[in-house]
Every structure is written in C-alpha cells, then in structure tokens.
Amino acid sequence: MIELAPKNMQPDHTVQPIEVLLYTVPQVAKMLQVSTRTVFHLIARGQLPTVKIGTSLRIFSDELLHFARTGTRRIAEACKESLAERGIHADVTC
C-alpha cells in the first residue's frame, strides 16, 4: 500500500467566500429597495461615494454599509426629490 500523505494531514476542501468590494448601481438599488434613479440621485448629491471603472460607476461595500447605517433619512429625501423632479409633489414616505 502506498501512502501519499500522512494520516493526520487532511486536504482542505473548504471554499472561502470572496468578499464583494464593489457593487453596481442596480445592485445597490436592489439592496436598498429603491430605484436606480434614486441611487443616481444620491450619487449626484454626493451622498453615496462612487468610483468609476471604465464607463461604469461602482460603490464600495464599506461606503454602502456606512450609508445604510446613517442614511435612512437621506434615502427618503432623495426619493422625494426624485419624485418632485418628475412633477410628483406628494407627502409620501419612500
């Protein structure tokens, strides 16, 4: 019998998850449960920092997490402003 590895040495078949560092605008919109238009509005107002890769905007995961923890009111404000830009003036919670 040929032994290829010592008995106490077990192969590591576990798969380590890859941490996502950057998200696309549609991914962020889905996670925040808002429209992509609202995400672009947040970006334009400087409330959600981005990095440009080629022609695409990306949002760092740590920036998104910080925004999600502190920006609930800012999301509602951006949503209302986005509606107002389209001529919809209503006192709604977005």
N, C-alpha and C. Protein backbone atom coordinates (compact mmCIF):
# COMPACT_ATOMS: atom_id res chain seq x y z
N MET A 1 0.85 -1.17 0.00
CA MET A 1 0.00 0.00 0.00
C MET A 1 0.90 1.24 0.00
N ILE A 2 0.57 2.21 -0.86
CA ILE A 2 1.32 3.45 -0.97
C ILE A 2 0.55 4.55 -0.26
N GLU A 3 1.22 5.24 0.64
CA GLU A 3 0.60 6.33 1.37
C GLU A 3 1.09 7.64 0.77
N LEU A 4 0.16 8.45 0.27
CA LEU A 4 0.53 9.71 -0.38
C LEU A 4 0.72 10.86 0.60
N ALA A 5 0.01 10.85 1.68
CA ALA A 5 0.11 11.92 2.67
C ALA A 5 -0.03 11.32 4.06
N PRO A 6 0.57 11.93 5.04
CA PRO A 6 0.41 11.43 6.40
C PRO A 6 -1.07 11.40 6.79
N LYS A 7 -1.43 10.45 7.64
CA LYS A 7 -2.83 10.28 8.04
C LYS A 7 -3.40 11.51 8.74
N ASN A 8 -2.56 12.24 9.45
CA ASN A 8 -3.07 13.40 10.18
C ASN A 8 -3.24 14.63 9.28
N MET A 9 -2.87 14.54 8.03
CA MET A 9 -2.96 15.66 7.10
C MET A 9 -4.18 15.48 6.19
N GLN A 10 -5.20 16.25 6.46
CA GLN A 10 -6.43 16.18 5.68
C GLN A 10 -6.44 17.29 4.63
N PRO A 11 -6.90 16.97 3.42
CA PRO A 11 -6.99 18.03 2.41
C PRO A 11 -8.05 19.06 2.81
N ASP A 12 -7.79 20.30 2.50
CA ASP A 12 -8.72 21.38 2.81
C ASP A 12 -9.59 21.64 1.60
N HIS A 13 -10.83 21.18 1.67
CA HIS A 13 -11.77 21.35 0.55
C HIS A 13 -12.78 22.45 0.82
N THR A 14 -12.55 23.23 1.86
CA THR A 14 -13.49 24.30 2.16
C THR A 14 -13.28 25.45 1.18
N VAL A 15 -14.36 26.04 0.79
CA VAL A 15 -14.31 27.18 -0.12
C VAL A 15 -14.52 28.44 0.69
N GLN A 16 -13.57 29.33 0.60
CA GLN A 16 -13.68 30.59 1.32
C GLN A 16 -14.48 31.58 0.47
N PRO A 17 -15.50 32.22 1.04
CA PRO A 17 -16.26 33.20 0.26
C PRO A 17 -15.40 34.41 -0.10
N ILE A 18 -15.63 34.93 -1.27
CA ILE A 18 -14.92 36.12 -1.71
C ILE A 18 -15.75 37.33 -1.30
N GLU A 19 -15.12 38.24 -0.58
CA GLU A 19 -15.83 39.44 -0.15
C GLU A 19 -16.02 40.37 -1.34
N VAL A 20 -17.25 40.81 -1.54
CA VAL A 20 -17.54 41.74 -2.62
C VAL A 20 -17.08 43.12 -2.18
N LEU A 21 -16.23 43.74 -2.99
CA LEU A 21 -15.72 45.06 -2.66
C LEU A 21 -16.49 46.18 -3.33
N LEU A 22 -17.00 45.90 -4.53
CA LEU A 22 -17.68 46.94 -5.32
C LEU A 22 -19.04 46.42 -5.80
N TYR A 23 -20.02 47.30 -5.79
CA TYR A 23 -21.35 46.97 -6.29
C TYR A 23 -21.72 47.91 -7.43
N THR A 24 -22.55 47.43 -8.33
CA THR A 24 -23.07 48.27 -9.41
C THR A 24 -24.27 49.06 -8.89
N VAL A 25 -24.66 50.06 -9.64
CA VAL A 25 -25.83 50.86 -9.26
C VAL A 25 -27.09 49.99 -9.16
N PRO A 26 -27.36 49.10 -10.14
CA PRO A 26 -28.55 48.25 -10.00
C PRO A 26 -28.50 47.34 -8.77
N GLN A 27 -27.32 46.84 -8.42
CA GLN A 27 -27.20 46.00 -7.23
C GLN A 27 -27.51 46.81 -5.97
N VAL A 28 -26.99 48.03 -5.91
CA VAL A 28 -27.23 48.90 -4.75
C VAL A 28 -28.72 49.23 -4.66
N ALA A 29 -29.33 49.54 -5.79
CA ALA A 29 -30.76 49.86 -5.80
C ALA A 29 -31.57 48.68 -5.25
N LYS A 30 -31.22 47.50 -5.66
CA LYS A 30 -31.94 46.31 -5.20
C LYS A 30 -31.75 46.12 -3.70
N MET A 31 -30.53 46.30 -3.21
CA MET A 31 -30.26 46.12 -1.79
C MET A 31 -30.96 47.16 -0.93
N LEU A 32 -31.02 48.40 -1.42
CA LEU A 32 -31.68 49.48 -0.66
C LEU A 32 -33.18 49.52 -0.92
N GLN A 33 -33.65 48.72 -1.86
CA GLN A 33 -35.06 48.65 -2.25
C GLN A 33 -35.58 50.00 -2.72
N VAL A 34 -34.76 50.62 -3.59
CA VAL A 34 -35.13 51.88 -4.24
C VAL A 34 -34.86 51.72 -5.73
N SER A 35 -35.23 52.71 -6.51
CA SER A 35 -34.98 52.66 -7.95
C SER A 35 -33.52 53.03 -8.25
N THR A 36 -33.07 52.68 -9.43
CA THR A 36 -31.73 53.08 -9.84
C THR A 36 -31.66 54.60 -9.96
N ARG A 37 -32.78 55.20 -10.32
CA ARG A 37 -32.84 56.66 -10.42
C ARG A 37 -32.54 57.30 -9.06
N THR A 38 -33.09 56.74 -8.00
CA THR A 38 -32.82 57.26 -6.66
C THR A 38 -31.35 57.09 -6.30
N VAL A 39 -30.74 55.96 -6.66
CA VAL A 39 -29.32 55.74 -6.39
C VAL A 39 -28.49 56.77 -7.14
N PHE A 40 -28.81 57.00 -8.42
CA PHE A 40 -28.08 58.02 -9.18
C PHE A 40 -28.25 59.41 -8.56
N HIS A 41 -29.43 59.67 -8.01
CA HIS A 41 -29.68 60.95 -7.35
C HIS A 41 -28.80 61.08 -6.11
N LEU A 42 -28.69 60.02 -5.33
CA LEU A 42 -27.84 60.02 -4.15
C LEU A 42 -26.38 60.24 -4.53
N ILE A 43 -25.97 59.64 -5.63
CA ILE A 43 -24.60 59.80 -6.12
C ILE A 43 -24.36 61.24 -6.55
N ALA A 44 -25.31 61.80 -7.32
CA ALA A 44 -25.18 63.16 -7.83
C ALA A 44 -25.10 64.18 -6.69
N ARG A 45 -25.79 63.92 -5.61
CA ARG A 45 -25.78 64.83 -4.46
C ARG A 45 -24.58 64.61 -3.55
N GLY A 46 -23.74 63.63 -3.89
CA GLY A 46 -22.55 63.35 -3.10
C GLY A 46 -22.82 62.59 -1.82
N GLN A 47 -24.00 62.01 -1.72
CA GLN A 47 -24.36 61.28 -0.51
C GLN A 47 -23.90 59.83 -0.55
N LEU A 48 -23.59 59.36 -1.73
CA LEU A 48 -23.12 57.98 -1.89
C LEU A 48 -21.88 58.01 -2.78
N PRO A 49 -20.69 57.92 -2.18
CA PRO A 49 -19.45 57.99 -2.96
C PRO A 49 -19.30 56.82 -3.93
N THR A 50 -18.72 57.11 -5.08
CA THR A 50 -18.51 56.08 -6.10
C THR A 50 -17.09 56.14 -6.64
N VAL A 51 -16.76 55.11 -7.39
CA VAL A 51 -15.52 55.07 -8.16
C VAL A 51 -15.92 54.69 -9.57
N LYS A 52 -15.26 55.28 -10.55
CA LYS A 52 -15.59 54.99 -11.93
C LYS A 52 -14.58 53.98 -12.48
N ILE A 53 -15.08 52.89 -13.02
CA ILE A 53 -14.26 51.88 -13.66
C ILE A 53 -14.71 51.81 -15.11
N GLY A 54 -13.86 52.29 -15.99
CA GLY A 54 -14.28 52.40 -17.39
C GLY A 54 -15.39 53.43 -17.48
N THR A 55 -16.53 52.98 -17.96
CA THR A 55 -17.69 53.87 -18.05
C THR A 55 -18.72 53.59 -16.97
N SER A 56 -18.43 52.65 -16.08
CA SER A 56 -19.39 52.24 -15.06
C SER A 56 -19.05 52.82 -13.69
N LEU A 57 -20.08 53.18 -12.96
CA LEU A 57 -19.91 53.62 -11.58
C LEU A 57 -20.03 52.41 -10.67
N ARG A 58 -19.19 52.39 -9.66
CA ARG A 58 -19.23 51.32 -8.66
C ARG A 58 -19.24 51.97 -7.28
N ILE A 59 -19.87 51.27 -6.34
CA ILE A 59 -19.96 51.74 -4.98
C ILE A 59 -19.22 50.74 -4.10
N PHE A 60 -18.27 51.25 -3.28
CA PHE A 60 -17.54 50.37 -2.37
C PHE A 60 -18.48 49.82 -1.32
N SER A 61 -18.29 48.56 -0.97
CA SER A 61 -19.17 47.91 0.01
C SER A 61 -19.13 48.60 1.37
N ASP A 62 -17.96 49.07 1.79
CA ASP A 62 -17.89 49.75 3.09
C ASP A 62 -18.62 51.09 3.07
N GLU A 63 -18.59 51.78 1.92
CA GLU A 63 -19.33 53.04 1.79
C GLU A 63 -20.84 52.78 1.83
N LEU A 64 -21.26 51.70 1.17
CA LEU A 64 -22.67 51.33 1.17
C LEU A 64 -23.13 50.98 2.57
N LEU A 65 -22.33 50.23 3.29
CA LEU A 65 -22.67 49.85 4.65
C LEU A 65 -22.79 51.09 5.54
N HIS A 66 -21.83 52.00 5.42
CA HIS A 66 -21.88 53.25 6.19
C HIS A 66 -23.14 54.05 5.83
N PHE A 67 -23.43 54.14 4.55
CA PHE A 67 -24.61 54.88 4.11
C PHE A 67 -25.89 54.23 4.67
N ALA A 68 -25.95 52.91 4.58
CA ALA A 68 -27.14 52.20 5.06
C ALA A 68 -27.36 52.41 6.56
N ARG A 69 -26.26 52.52 7.29
CA ARG A 69 -26.38 52.72 8.74
C ARG A 69 -26.77 54.14 9.10
N THR A 70 -26.38 55.10 8.29
CA THR A 70 -26.59 56.51 8.64
C THR A 70 -27.50 57.26 7.70
N GLY A 71 -27.85 56.67 6.57
CA GLY A 71 -28.51 57.44 5.52
C GLY A 71 -29.97 57.19 5.29
N THR A 72 -30.69 56.59 6.23
CA THR A 72 -32.10 56.30 6.00
C THR A 72 -32.89 57.55 5.65
N ARG A 73 -32.66 58.61 6.39
CA ARG A 73 -33.37 59.87 6.13
C ARG A 73 -32.97 60.40 4.76
N ARG A 74 -31.68 60.24 4.40
CA ARG A 74 -31.21 60.74 3.10
C ARG A 74 -31.85 59.99 1.95
N ILE A 75 -32.13 58.71 2.13
CA ILE A 75 -32.81 57.94 1.08
C ILE A 75 -34.21 58.49 0.86
N ALA A 76 -34.93 58.75 1.95
CA ALA A 76 -36.29 59.29 1.83
C ALA A 76 -36.27 60.66 1.17
N GLU A 77 -35.31 61.50 1.56
CA GLU A 77 -35.21 62.83 0.96
C GLU A 77 -34.91 62.73 -0.54
N ALA A 78 -33.98 61.85 -0.90
CA ALA A 78 -33.62 61.68 -2.31
C ALA A 78 -34.80 61.15 -3.11
N CYS A 79 -35.57 60.25 -2.51
CA CYS A 79 -36.73 59.70 -3.18
C CYS A 79 -37.77 60.79 -3.44
N LYS A 80 -38.03 61.62 -2.43
CA LYS A 80 -39.00 62.71 -2.59
C LYS A 80 -38.53 63.72 -3.64
N GLU A 81 -37.23 64.02 -3.64
CA GLU A 81 -36.69 64.94 -4.64
C GLU A 81 -36.78 64.34 -6.04
N SER A 82 -36.53 63.05 -6.13
CA SER A 82 -36.64 62.38 -7.43
C SER A 82 -38.07 62.44 -7.95
N LEU A 83 -39.04 62.25 -7.06
CA LEU A 83 -40.45 62.36 -7.45
C LEU A 83 -40.77 63.79 -7.86
N ALA A 84 -40.26 64.76 -7.12
CA ALA A 84 -40.53 66.17 -7.42
C ALA A 84 -39.97 66.55 -8.79
N GLU A 85 -38.81 66.00 -9.14
CA GLU A 85 -38.22 66.27 -10.46
C GLU A 85 -39.12 65.79 -11.58
N ARG A 86 -39.92 64.77 -11.28
CA ARG A 86 -40.84 64.23 -12.29
C ARG A 86 -42.22 64.88 -12.19
N GLY A 87 -42.32 65.93 -11.36
CA GLY A 87 -43.58 66.65 -11.26
C GLY A 87 -44.56 66.03 -10.29
N ILE A 88 -44.12 65.12 -9.48
CA ILE A 88 -45.00 64.48 -8.50
C ILE A 88 -44.70 65.11 -7.14
N HIS A 89 -45.65 65.86 -6.64
CA HIS A 89 -45.47 66.53 -5.35
C HIS A 89 -46.45 65.93 -4.36
N ALA A 90 -45.95 65.00 -3.60
CA ALA A 90 -46.79 64.33 -2.64
C ALA A 90 -46.01 64.13 -1.35
N ASP A 91 -46.72 64.14 -0.26
CA ASP A 91 -46.09 63.89 1.03
C ASP A 91 -46.16 62.38 1.27
N VAL A 92 -45.17 61.70 0.71
CA VAL A 92 -45.14 60.24 0.82
C VAL A 92 -43.85 59.80 1.47
N THR A 93 -43.88 58.63 2.06
CA THR A 93 -42.69 58.03 2.60
C THR A 93 -42.17 57.04 1.57
N CYS A 94 -40.95 57.25 1.13
CA CYS A 94 -40.39 56.39 0.09
C CYS A 94 -39.60 55.27 0.70
